[in-house]
């Protein structure tokens, strides 16, 4: 049942989100290096990492678990982006749009896997 994560659009798009987040967090003040910068970077990396980890699992049910973790990370990241915008007036609309599209795609992929898991 293993999927090649490198071929999954949700993985490719989540890698783009990571790049966008790293570029954005480089604009935050140095005193946030161990705060929001670290938190947002780790959170963004969690998304494609969980997709990749889940893709190597032997059942759809296991893959779904990791997709849920990755999806949860998108909501966590969105919250952190909103906070960073409120605190530092950073331009987040483009990244938030990327995240919303990624959320829709992960949910759609989950529905496909849920049918297979039955």
N, C-alpha and C. Protein backbone atom coordinates (compact mmCIF):
# COMPACT_ATOMS: atom_id res chain seq x y z
N UNK A 1 0.81 -1.19 0.00
CA UNK A 1 0.00 0.00 0.00
C UNK A 1 0.86 1.26 0.00
N UNK A 2 2.13 1.13 0.20
CA UNK A 2 3.00 2.30 0.32
C UNK A 2 2.90 3.20 -0.90
N UNK A 3 2.86 4.49 -0.65
CA UNK A 3 2.84 5.51 -1.70
C UNK A 3 4.25 6.10 -1.79
N UNK A 4 4.63 6.54 -2.97
CA UNK A 4 5.88 7.27 -3.11
C UNK A 4 5.58 8.73 -2.77
N UNK A 5 6.00 9.16 -1.59
CA UNK A 5 5.63 10.50 -1.12
C UNK A 5 6.11 11.59 -2.06
N UNK A 6 7.24 11.36 -2.75
CA UNK A 6 7.78 12.38 -3.65
C UNK A 6 6.84 12.67 -4.83
N UNK A 7 5.94 11.74 -5.11
CA UNK A 7 5.00 11.91 -6.21
C UNK A 7 3.66 12.49 -5.77
N UNK A 8 3.45 12.61 -4.47
CA UNK A 8 2.18 13.13 -3.95
C UNK A 8 2.15 14.65 -4.03
N UNK A 9 1.09 15.18 -4.65
CA UNK A 9 0.95 16.64 -4.77
C UNK A 9 0.87 17.30 -3.39
N UNK A 10 0.23 16.63 -2.44
CA UNK A 10 0.14 17.22 -1.10
C UNK A 10 1.53 17.35 -0.47
N UNK A 11 2.43 16.41 -0.76
CA UNK A 11 3.79 16.51 -0.22
C UNK A 11 4.55 17.64 -0.92
N UNK A 12 4.45 17.69 -2.25
CA UNK A 12 5.14 18.74 -3.01
C UNK A 12 4.68 20.13 -2.57
N UNK A 13 3.37 20.29 -2.44
CA UNK A 13 2.84 21.59 -2.03
C UNK A 13 3.21 21.93 -0.59
N UNK A 14 3.27 20.92 0.27
CA UNK A 14 3.65 21.19 1.66
C UNK A 14 5.12 21.60 1.73
N UNK A 15 5.95 21.09 0.82
CA UNK A 15 7.36 21.52 0.78
C UNK A 15 7.45 23.00 0.37
N UNK A 16 6.56 23.43 -0.50
CA UNK A 16 6.51 24.84 -0.89
C UNK A 16 6.12 25.72 0.30
N UNK A 17 5.20 25.21 1.12
CA UNK A 17 4.80 25.95 2.33
C UNK A 17 6.00 26.10 3.26
N UNK A 18 6.78 25.04 3.43
CA UNK A 18 7.97 25.10 4.29
C UNK A 18 8.91 26.20 3.80
N UNK A 19 9.17 26.23 2.51
CA UNK A 19 10.06 27.26 1.96
C UNK A 19 9.51 28.66 2.22
N UNK A 20 8.21 28.84 2.01
CA UNK A 20 7.59 30.14 2.25
C UNK A 20 7.71 30.55 3.71
N UNK A 21 7.50 29.59 4.61
CA UNK A 21 7.58 29.88 6.05
C UNK A 21 9.00 30.26 6.43
N UNK A 22 9.99 29.53 5.94
CA UNK A 22 11.38 29.85 6.27
C UNK A 22 11.76 31.24 5.77
N UNK A 23 11.29 31.60 4.57
CA UNK A 23 11.56 32.94 4.06
C UNK A 23 10.89 34.01 4.92
N UNK A 24 9.67 33.73 5.37
CA UNK A 24 8.95 34.68 6.21
C UNK A 24 9.59 34.80 7.59
N UNK A 25 9.93 33.67 8.20
CA UNK A 25 10.49 33.73 9.56
C UNK A 25 11.87 34.39 9.58
N UNK A 26 12.54 34.41 8.44
CA UNK A 26 13.84 35.10 8.40
C UNK A 26 13.67 36.61 8.56
N UNK A 27 12.43 37.09 8.42
CA UNK A 27 12.14 38.51 8.58
C UNK A 27 11.78 38.88 10.02
N UNK A 28 11.61 37.88 10.87
CA UNK A 28 11.26 38.15 12.27
C UNK A 28 12.49 38.61 13.04
N UNK A 29 12.28 39.36 14.12
CA UNK A 29 13.40 39.84 14.93
C UNK A 29 14.22 38.69 15.51
N UNK A 30 15.51 38.94 15.72
CA UNK A 30 16.42 37.93 16.28
C UNK A 30 15.96 37.40 17.63
N UNK A 31 15.31 38.25 18.42
CA UNK A 31 14.89 37.78 19.75
C UNK A 31 13.73 36.79 19.65
N UNK A 32 13.21 36.55 18.45
CA UNK A 32 12.18 35.52 18.25
C UNK A 32 12.78 34.20 17.74
N UNK A 33 14.10 34.17 17.63
CA UNK A 33 14.77 32.98 17.08
C UNK A 33 14.36 31.70 17.79
N UNK A 34 14.23 31.76 19.11
CA UNK A 34 13.86 30.57 19.89
C UNK A 34 12.38 30.56 20.26
N UNK A 35 11.64 31.51 19.72
CA UNK A 35 10.20 31.59 19.97
C UNK A 35 9.43 31.24 18.71
N UNK A 36 8.81 32.24 18.12
CA UNK A 36 7.98 32.02 16.94
C UNK A 36 8.75 31.45 15.76
N UNK A 37 9.97 31.89 15.54
CA UNK A 37 10.75 31.39 14.40
C UNK A 37 10.92 29.89 14.51
N UNK A 38 11.40 29.44 15.64
CA UNK A 38 11.62 28.01 15.84
C UNK A 38 10.31 27.23 15.75
N UNK A 39 9.27 27.76 16.38
CA UNK A 39 7.98 27.08 16.41
C UNK A 39 7.38 26.97 15.01
N UNK A 40 7.39 28.05 14.26
CA UNK A 40 6.80 28.02 12.91
C UNK A 40 7.62 27.15 11.96
N UNK A 41 8.94 27.22 12.06
CA UNK A 41 9.77 26.39 11.19
C UNK A 41 9.53 24.91 11.47
N UNK A 42 9.54 24.54 12.74
CA UNK A 42 9.33 23.12 13.10
C UNK A 42 7.93 22.66 12.70
N UNK A 43 6.97 23.51 12.91
CA UNK A 43 5.59 23.18 12.58
C UNK A 43 5.44 22.98 11.07
N UNK A 44 6.03 23.85 10.28
CA UNK A 44 5.91 23.72 8.83
C UNK A 44 6.60 22.45 8.33
N UNK A 45 7.74 22.12 8.90
CA UNK A 45 8.46 20.90 8.51
C UNK A 45 7.68 19.66 8.89
N UNK A 46 6.89 19.76 9.94
CA UNK A 46 6.08 18.63 10.39
C UNK A 46 5.07 18.18 9.33
N UNK A 47 4.61 19.10 8.51
CA UNK A 47 3.56 18.77 7.53
C UNK A 47 4.08 17.77 6.49
N UNK A 48 5.13 18.11 5.70
CA UNK A 48 5.60 17.13 4.72
C UNK A 48 6.24 15.91 5.38
N UNK A 49 6.80 16.08 6.57
CA UNK A 49 7.42 14.94 7.26
C UNK A 49 6.38 13.89 7.62
N UNK A 50 5.23 14.33 8.10
CA UNK A 50 4.17 13.38 8.45
C UNK A 50 3.55 12.74 7.22
N UNK A 51 3.43 13.50 6.15
CA UNK A 51 2.94 12.92 4.90
C UNK A 51 3.90 11.84 4.43
N UNK A 52 5.19 12.13 4.47
CA UNK A 52 6.20 11.16 4.04
C UNK A 52 6.19 9.93 4.95
N UNK A 53 6.16 10.15 6.25
CA UNK A 53 6.16 9.01 7.18
C UNK A 53 4.93 8.14 6.97
N UNK A 54 3.77 8.76 6.83
CA UNK A 54 2.55 8.00 6.63
C UNK A 54 2.55 7.22 5.33
N UNK A 55 3.18 7.78 4.30
CA UNK A 55 3.20 7.12 3.00
C UNK A 55 3.93 5.79 3.04
N UNK A 56 4.81 5.63 3.99
CA UNK A 56 5.56 4.38 4.11
C UNK A 56 4.88 3.32 4.95
N UNK A 57 3.75 3.65 5.51
CA UNK A 57 3.01 2.69 6.34
C UNK A 57 2.30 1.66 5.47
N UNK A 58 1.99 0.54 6.08
CA UNK A 58 1.46 -0.58 5.30
C UNK A 58 -0.05 -0.58 5.13
N UNK A 59 -0.75 0.29 5.83
CA UNK A 59 -2.21 0.31 5.68
C UNK A 59 -2.71 1.74 5.51
N UNK A 60 -3.86 1.85 4.89
CA UNK A 60 -4.50 3.16 4.73
C UNK A 60 -4.82 3.77 6.08
N UNK A 61 -5.22 2.93 7.03
CA UNK A 61 -5.56 3.42 8.37
C UNK A 61 -4.35 4.10 9.02
N UNK A 62 -3.19 3.49 8.88
CA UNK A 62 -1.98 4.09 9.44
C UNK A 62 -1.63 5.39 8.72
N UNK A 63 -1.75 5.40 7.39
CA UNK A 63 -1.46 6.61 6.62
C UNK A 63 -2.40 7.73 7.06
N UNK A 64 -3.67 7.40 7.27
CA UNK A 64 -4.65 8.40 7.71
C UNK A 64 -4.23 9.07 9.01
N UNK A 65 -3.68 8.29 9.92
CA UNK A 65 -3.23 8.85 11.20
C UNK A 65 -2.21 9.96 10.95
N UNK A 66 -1.22 9.69 10.09
CA UNK A 66 -0.17 10.68 9.84
C UNK A 66 -0.68 11.87 9.03
N UNK A 67 -1.64 11.61 8.15
CA UNK A 67 -2.27 12.73 7.44
C UNK A 67 -3.01 13.64 8.41
N UNK A 68 -3.65 13.04 9.41
CA UNK A 68 -4.33 13.84 10.44
C UNK A 68 -3.35 14.68 11.23
N UNK A 69 -2.19 14.12 11.55
CA UNK A 69 -1.16 14.88 12.28
C UNK A 69 -0.67 16.03 11.40
N UNK A 70 -0.42 15.74 10.11
CA UNK A 70 0.02 16.79 9.20
C UNK A 70 -1.03 17.88 9.04
N UNK A 71 -2.29 17.47 8.92
CA UNK A 71 -3.38 18.44 8.80
C UNK A 71 -3.47 19.31 10.05
N UNK A 72 -3.33 18.69 11.21
CA UNK A 72 -3.35 19.45 12.46
C UNK A 72 -2.22 20.48 12.48
N UNK A 73 -1.07 20.11 11.96
CA UNK A 73 0.06 21.05 11.90
C UNK A 73 -0.26 22.24 11.01
N UNK A 74 -1.08 22.05 9.96
CA UNK A 74 -1.43 23.20 9.12
C UNK A 74 -2.26 24.22 9.91
N UNK A 75 -3.15 23.73 10.77
CA UNK A 75 -3.96 24.65 11.59
C UNK A 75 -3.11 25.34 12.66
N UNK A 76 -2.18 24.59 13.23
CA UNK A 76 -1.25 25.16 14.20
C UNK A 76 -0.41 26.26 13.53
N UNK A 77 0.11 25.96 12.35
CA UNK A 77 0.93 26.92 11.62
C UNK A 77 0.12 28.17 11.25
N UNK A 78 -1.10 27.96 10.83
CA UNK A 78 -1.95 29.11 10.49
C UNK A 78 -2.13 30.03 11.69
N UNK A 79 -2.34 29.44 12.85
CA UNK A 79 -2.48 30.23 14.08
C UNK A 79 -1.21 31.03 14.37
N UNK A 80 -0.07 30.39 14.21
CA UNK A 80 1.21 31.06 14.47
C UNK A 80 1.46 32.18 13.46
N UNK A 81 1.04 31.97 12.22
CA UNK A 81 1.17 33.02 11.20
C UNK A 81 0.30 34.22 11.54
N UNK A 82 -0.93 33.96 11.97
CA UNK A 82 -1.84 35.05 12.36
C UNK A 82 -1.24 35.84 13.52
N UNK A 83 -0.69 35.12 14.48
CA UNK A 83 -0.06 35.78 15.62
C UNK A 83 1.15 36.61 15.18
N UNK A 84 1.99 36.06 14.32
CA UNK A 84 3.17 36.81 13.87
C UNK A 84 2.76 38.05 13.07
N UNK A 85 1.65 37.95 12.35
CA UNK A 85 1.15 39.12 11.63
C UNK A 85 0.67 40.18 12.60
N UNK A 86 -0.05 39.75 13.64
CA UNK A 86 -0.54 40.71 14.62
C UNK A 86 0.58 41.38 15.40
N UNK A 87 1.64 40.61 15.69
CA UNK A 87 2.74 41.16 16.48
C UNK A 87 3.74 41.96 15.64
N UNK A 88 3.99 41.50 14.42
CA UNK A 88 5.07 42.10 13.62
C UNK A 88 4.64 42.60 12.24
N UNK A 89 3.34 42.55 11.96
CA UNK A 89 2.78 43.05 10.70
C UNK A 89 3.48 42.45 9.48
N UNK A 90 3.62 41.13 9.49
CA UNK A 90 4.25 40.44 8.37
C UNK A 90 3.20 40.09 7.31
N UNK A 91 3.61 40.06 6.05
CA UNK A 91 2.67 39.71 4.98
C UNK A 91 2.44 38.20 4.94
N UNK A 92 1.29 37.77 5.42
CA UNK A 92 1.04 36.32 5.53
C UNK A 92 -0.02 35.80 4.57
N UNK A 93 -0.71 36.70 3.86
CA UNK A 93 -1.87 36.27 3.07
C UNK A 93 -1.51 35.20 2.05
N UNK A 94 -0.38 35.32 1.38
CA UNK A 94 0.03 34.32 0.39
C UNK A 94 0.25 32.95 1.00
N UNK A 95 0.91 32.92 2.14
CA UNK A 95 1.17 31.64 2.80
C UNK A 95 -0.13 31.05 3.34
N UNK A 96 -0.98 31.88 3.90
CA UNK A 96 -2.26 31.39 4.42
C UNK A 96 -3.09 30.79 3.29
N UNK A 97 -3.06 31.41 2.12
CA UNK A 97 -3.77 30.85 0.96
C UNK A 97 -3.19 29.48 0.58
N UNK A 98 -1.86 29.37 0.60
CA UNK A 98 -1.20 28.09 0.32
C UNK A 98 -1.66 27.03 1.33
N UNK A 99 -1.73 27.42 2.58
CA UNK A 99 -2.12 26.49 3.65
C UNK A 99 -3.57 26.06 3.47
N UNK A 100 -4.45 27.00 3.15
CA UNK A 100 -5.87 26.65 2.96
C UNK A 100 -6.03 25.65 1.81
N UNK A 101 -5.31 25.87 0.73
CA UNK A 101 -5.37 24.93 -0.40
C UNK A 101 -4.82 23.57 0.02
N UNK A 102 -3.73 23.57 0.77
CA UNK A 102 -3.15 22.32 1.25
C UNK A 102 -4.12 21.60 2.18
N UNK A 103 -4.80 22.33 3.04
CA UNK A 103 -5.80 21.72 3.93
C UNK A 103 -6.89 21.04 3.12
N UNK A 104 -7.39 21.72 2.09
CA UNK A 104 -8.42 21.12 1.23
C UNK A 104 -7.92 19.85 0.55
N UNK A 105 -6.69 19.90 0.07
CA UNK A 105 -6.13 18.73 -0.62
C UNK A 105 -5.92 17.55 0.33
N UNK A 106 -5.41 17.82 1.53
CA UNK A 106 -5.21 16.74 2.50
C UNK A 106 -6.54 16.12 2.87
N UNK A 107 -7.55 16.95 3.11
CA UNK A 107 -8.88 16.44 3.45
C UNK A 107 -9.43 15.58 2.31
N UNK A 108 -9.26 16.03 1.08
CA UNK A 108 -9.71 15.25 -0.06
C UNK A 108 -8.98 13.93 -0.19
N UNK A 109 -7.68 13.95 0.03
CA UNK A 109 -6.88 12.72 -0.04
C UNK A 109 -7.27 11.76 1.07
N UNK A 110 -7.55 12.32 2.24
CA UNK A 110 -8.00 11.49 3.36
C UNK A 110 -9.29 10.76 3.01
N UNK A 111 -10.22 11.46 2.36
CA UNK A 111 -11.49 10.84 1.97
C UNK A 111 -11.24 9.67 1.03
N UNK A 112 -10.32 9.81 0.12
CA UNK A 112 -9.97 8.72 -0.79
C UNK A 112 -9.42 7.53 -0.01
N UNK A 113 -8.53 7.80 0.93
CA UNK A 113 -7.94 6.72 1.73
C UNK A 113 -8.97 6.06 2.65
N UNK A 114 -9.89 6.86 3.16
CA UNK A 114 -10.91 6.33 4.06
C UNK A 114 -11.78 5.28 3.35
N UNK A 115 -12.06 5.52 2.08
CA UNK A 115 -12.82 4.56 1.28
C UNK A 115 -12.01 3.26 1.15
N UNK A 116 -10.70 3.40 0.93
CA UNK A 116 -9.83 2.22 0.80
C UNK A 116 -9.68 1.48 2.12
N UNK A 117 -9.75 2.22 3.22
CA UNK A 117 -9.51 1.62 4.54
C UNK A 117 -10.68 0.74 5.01
N UNK A 118 -11.83 0.93 4.40
CA UNK A 118 -13.03 0.20 4.82
C UNK A 118 -12.98 -1.24 4.36
